[in-house]
């Protein structure tokens, strides 16, 4: 196994064994000299961060109550390791048999029924005639 995948597995194992219940999202960059640069609580694109910081490898780590996900990129190589994320969403939650909205008719003030009766007949007769 090459170093890229071994490091992804190590990062994944550490992220899984963290016992804190806090969610976290960070990017871990490996620079050409082997030094690490960590961007915490980040929504930055890992590829963009790698380019900006001159890193050859980038790992994005996402931890939540639902599980852990590590995505890695190094040149043309890509990997993703995940545990328990969204895989347990029941299909019936995705395919609902009930609408997600309802249509409601607004209540009209008391003056509107008279207007409704006046125009309830033939629509053409309700249009004023040009003089």
C-alpha atoms as a PDB file:
ATOM      1  CA  UNK A   1       0.000   0.000   0.000  1.00  0.00           C
ATOM      2  CA  UNK A   2       1.410   3.422  -0.857  1.00  0.00           C
ATOM      3  CA  UNK A   3       1.980   6.267   1.607  1.00  0.00           C
ATOM      4  CA  UNK A   4      -1.049   8.248   0.390  1.00  0.00           C
ATOM      5  CA  UNK A   5      -3.487   5.448   1.293  1.00  0.00           C
ATOM      6  CA  UNK A   6      -1.670   4.550   4.515  1.00  0.00           C
ATOM      7  CA  UNK A   7      -1.914   8.158   5.700  1.00  0.00           C
ATOM      8  CA  UNK A   8      -5.609   8.300   4.765  1.00  0.00           C
ATOM      9  CA  UNK A   9      -6.197   5.144   6.827  1.00  0.00           C
ATOM     10  CA  UNK A  10      -4.271   6.568   9.797  1.00  0.00           C
ATOM     11  CA  UNK A  11      -6.203   9.843   9.691  1.00  0.00           C
ATOM     12  CA  UNK A  12      -9.476   7.905   9.420  1.00  0.00           C
ATOM     13  CA  UNK A  13      -8.605   5.693  12.406  1.00  0.00           C
ATOM     14  CA  UNK A  14      -7.711   8.683  14.587  1.00  0.00           C
ATOM     15  CA  UNK A  15     -10.890  10.538  13.604  1.00  0.00           C
ATOM     16  CA  UNK A  16     -13.009   7.476  14.424  1.00  0.00           C
ATOM     17  CA  UNK A  17     -11.447   6.924  17.851  1.00  0.00           C
ATOM     18  CA  UNK A  18     -11.979  10.499  19.051  1.00  0.00           C
ATOM     19  CA  UNK A  19     -14.526  10.134  21.830  1.00  0.00           C
ATOM     20  CA  UNK A  20     -15.747  13.740  21.852  1.00  0.00           C
ATOM     21  CA  UNK A  21     -19.273  14.261  20.574  1.00  0.00           C
ATOM     22  CA  UNK A  22     -18.327  17.450  18.742  1.00  0.00           C
ATOM     23  CA  UNK A  23     -18.710  17.755  15.008  1.00  0.00           C
ATOM     24  CA  UNK A  24     -15.661  18.940  13.134  1.00  0.00           C
ATOM     25  CA  UNK A  25     -14.622  19.652   9.600  1.00  0.00           C
ATOM     26  CA  UNK A  26     -11.026  20.378   8.666  1.00  0.00           C
ATOM     27  CA  UNK A  27      -8.508  20.108   5.862  1.00  0.00           C
ATOM     28  CA  UNK A  28      -5.078  18.570   6.415  1.00  0.00           C
ATOM     29  CA  UNK A  29      -2.422  19.522   3.862  1.00  0.00           C
ATOM     30  CA  UNK A  30       0.911  17.724   3.376  1.00  0.00           C
ATOM     31  CA  UNK A  31       3.536  20.043   1.936  1.00  0.00           C
ATOM     32  CA  UNK A  32       6.411  18.841  -0.284  1.00  0.00           C
ATOM     33  CA  UNK A  33       8.860  19.031   2.662  1.00  0.00           C
ATOM     34  CA  UNK A  34       6.552  16.714   4.674  1.00  0.00           C
ATOM     35  CA  UNK A  35       5.246  19.407   7.009  1.00  0.00           C
ATOM     36  CA  UNK A  36       1.556  19.531   7.836  1.00  0.00           C
ATOM     37  CA  UNK A  37      -0.806  22.481   7.566  1.00  0.00           C
ATOM     38  CA  UNK A  38      -4.236  22.159   9.189  1.00  0.00           C
ATOM     39  CA  UNK A  39      -7.171  24.423   8.343  1.00  0.00           C
ATOM     40  CA  UNK A  40      -9.786  23.962  11.090  1.00  0.00           C
ATOM     41  CA  UNK A  41     -13.556  24.434  10.776  1.00  0.00           C
ATOM     42  CA  UNK A  42     -13.121  25.011   7.112  1.00  0.00           C
ATOM     43  CA  UNK A  43     -15.498  25.042   4.193  1.00  0.00           C
ATOM     44  CA  UNK A  44     -12.603  25.608   1.808  1.00  0.00           C
ATOM     45  CA  UNK A  45     -12.198  23.364  -1.223  1.00  0.00           C
ATOM     46  CA  UNK A  46      -9.272  20.991  -0.448  1.00  0.00           C
ATOM     47  CA  UNK A  47      -7.899  21.240  -3.997  1.00  0.00           C
ATOM     48  CA  UNK A  48      -7.870  25.034  -3.835  1.00  0.00           C
ATOM     49  CA  UNK A  49      -6.249  24.989  -0.388  1.00  0.00           C
ATOM     50  CA  UNK A  50      -3.559  22.588  -1.623  1.00  0.00           C
ATOM     51  CA  UNK A  51      -2.730  24.877  -4.536  1.00  0.00           C
ATOM     52  CA  UNK A  52      -2.735  28.011  -2.368  1.00  0.00           C
ATOM     53  CA  UNK A  53      -0.412  26.473   0.250  1.00  0.00           C
ATOM     54  CA  UNK A  54       1.818  24.533  -2.143  1.00  0.00           C
ATOM     55  CA  UNK A  55       0.752  21.150  -0.772  1.00  0.00           C
ATOM     56  CA  UNK A  56       1.132  17.932  -2.716  1.00  0.00           C
ATOM     57  CA  UNK A  57      -1.571  16.070  -0.753  1.00  0.00           C
ATOM     58  CA  UNK A  58      -4.844  17.183   0.854  1.00  0.00           C
ATOM     59  CA  UNK A  59      -7.173  15.298   3.179  1.00  0.00           C
ATOM     60  CA  UNK A  60     -10.583  16.598   4.183  1.00  0.00           C
ATOM     61  CA  UNK A  61     -11.945  15.190   7.438  1.00  0.00           C
ATOM     62  CA  UNK A  62     -15.620  15.482   8.382  1.00  0.00           C
ATOM     63  CA  UNK A  63     -16.830  14.226  11.772  1.00  0.00           C
ATOM     64  CA  UNK A  64     -20.400  14.334  13.018  1.00  0.00           C
ATOM     65  CA  UNK A  65     -22.752  12.266  15.120  1.00  0.00           C
ATOM     66  CA  UNK A  66     -23.557  10.336  11.966  1.00  0.00           C
ATOM     67  CA  UNK A  67     -19.990   9.158  11.424  1.00  0.00           C
ATOM     68  CA  UNK A  68     -16.630  10.041   9.938  1.00  0.00           C
ATOM     69  CA  UNK A  69     -15.509  10.712   6.380  1.00  0.00           C
ATOM     70  CA  UNK A  70     -11.972  11.243   5.083  1.00  0.00           C
ATOM     71  CA  UNK A  71     -11.463  12.303   1.467  1.00  0.00           C
ATOM     72  CA  UNK A  72      -7.923  12.418   0.128  1.00  0.00           C
ATOM     73  CA  UNK A  73      -6.341  13.848  -3.023  1.00  0.00           C
ATOM     74  CA  UNK A  74      -2.776  13.576  -4.209  1.00  0.00           C
ATOM     75  CA  UNK A  75      -2.052  14.300  -7.852  1.00  0.00           C
ATOM     76  CA  UNK A  76      -4.273  11.944  -9.862  1.00  0.00           C
ATOM     77  CA  UNK A  77      -4.977   9.716  -6.845  1.00  0.00           C
ATOM     78  CA  UNK A  78      -8.252  10.023  -4.944  1.00  0.00           C
ATOM     79  CA  UNK A  79      -9.650   8.091  -1.989  1.00  0.00           C
ATOM     80  CA  UNK A  80     -12.612   8.272   0.356  1.00  0.00           C
ATOM     81  CA  UNK A  81     -13.064   6.409   3.607  1.00  0.00           C
ATOM     82  CA  UNK A  82     -16.332   6.698   5.502  1.00  0.00           C
ATOM     83  CA  UNK A  83     -18.061   5.144   8.446  1.00  0.00           C
ATOM     84  CA  UNK A  84     -21.738   5.510   9.239  1.00  0.00           C
ATOM     85  CA  UNK A  85     -22.462   8.665   7.220  1.00  0.00           C
ATOM     86  CA  UNK A  86     -25.897   8.870   5.609  1.00  0.00           C
ATOM     87  CA  UNK A  87     -25.780   5.198   4.731  1.00  0.00           C
ATOM     88  CA  UNK A  88     -28.389   4.540   7.399  1.00  0.00           C
ATOM     89  CA  UNK A  89     -31.025   6.926   6.036  1.00  0.00           C
ATOM     90  CA  UNK A  90     -34.147   4.817   5.462  1.00  0.00           C
ATOM     91  CA  UNK A  91     -35.440   4.914   1.908  1.00  0.00           C
ATOM     92  CA  UNK A  92     -38.967   5.660   3.036  1.00  0.00           C
ATOM     93  CA  UNK A  93     -37.698   9.009   4.322  1.00  0.00           C
ATOM     94  CA  UNK A  94     -36.499   9.785   0.821  1.00  0.00           C
ATOM     95  CA  UNK A  95     -39.619   8.526  -0.976  1.00  0.00           C
ATOM     96  CA  UNK A  96     -42.502  10.127   0.872  1.00  0.00           C
ATOM     97  CA  UNK A  97     -46.107   9.267   0.095  1.00  0.00           C
ATOM     98  CA  UNK A  98     -47.296  12.603   1.478  1.00  0.00           C
ATOM     99  CA  UNK A  99     -46.783  16.031  -0.051  1.00  0.00           C
ATOM    100  CA  UNK A 100     -44.243  18.281   1.607  1.00  0.00           C
ATOM    101  CA  UNK A 101     -46.598  21.250   1.301  1.00  0.00           C
ATOM    102  CA  UNK A 102     -50.308  22.084   1.350  1.00  0.00           C
ATOM    103  CA  UNK A 103     -52.281  24.626  -0.617  1.00  0.00           C
ATOM    104  CA  UNK A 104     -54.331  27.047   1.422  1.00  0.00           C
ATOM    105  CA  UNK A 105     -57.035  29.384   0.173  1.00  0.00           C
ATOM    106  CA  UNK A 106     -56.718  32.772   1.854  1.00  0.00           C
ATOM    107  CA  UNK A 107     -59.721  34.073   3.725  1.00  0.00           C
ATOM    108  CA  UNK A 108     -61.293  37.056   2.011  1.00  0.00           C
ATOM    109  CA  UNK A 109     -62.731  40.054   3.842  1.00  0.00           C
ATOM    110  CA  UNK A 110     -66.512  40.318   4.192  1.00  0.00           C
ATOM    111  CA  UNK A 111     -66.811  42.689   1.178  1.00  0.00           C
ATOM    112  CA  UNK A 112     -65.520  40.080  -1.287  1.00  0.00           C
ATOM    113  CA  UNK A 113     -68.586  37.745  -1.356  1.00  0.00           C
ATOM    114  CA  UNK A 114     -70.650  40.541  -2.916  1.00  0.00           C
ATOM    115  CA  UNK A 115     -68.009  41.025  -5.589  1.00  0.00           C
ATOM    116  CA  UNK A 116     -67.880  37.282  -6.143  1.00  0.00           C
ATOM    117  CA  UNK A 117     -71.684  37.138  -6.671  1.00  0.00           C
ATOM    118  CA  UNK A 118     -71.520  40.049  -9.099  1.00  0.00           C
ATOM    119  CA  UNK A 119     -68.943  38.306 -11.316  1.00  0.00           C
ATOM    120  CA  UNK A 120     -70.114  34.728 -10.842  1.00  0.00           C
ATOM    121  CA  UNK A 121     -71.985  34.685 -14.145  1.00  0.00           C
ATOM    122  CA  UNK A 122     -70.582  34.994 -17.638  1.00  0.00           C
ATOM    123  CA  UNK A 123     -67.067  36.417 -17.500  1.00  0.00           C
ATOM    124  CA  UNK A 124     -67.478  38.386 -20.762  1.00  0.00           C
ATOM    125  CA  UNK A 125     -70.491  40.257 -19.387  1.00  0.00           C
ATOM    126  CA  UNK A 126     -68.458  41.383 -16.381  1.00  0.00           C
ATOM    127  CA  UNK A 127     -65.913  43.207 -18.545  1.00  0.00           C
ATOM    128  CA  UNK A 128     -66.870  46.885 -18.991  1.00  0.00           C
ATOM    129  CA  UNK A 129     -67.799  47.774 -22.548  1.00  0.00           C
ATOM    130  CA  UNK A 130     -65.709  50.370 -24.364  1.00  0.00           C
ATOM    131  CA  UNK A 131     -67.622  53.563 -25.112  1.00  0.00           C
END
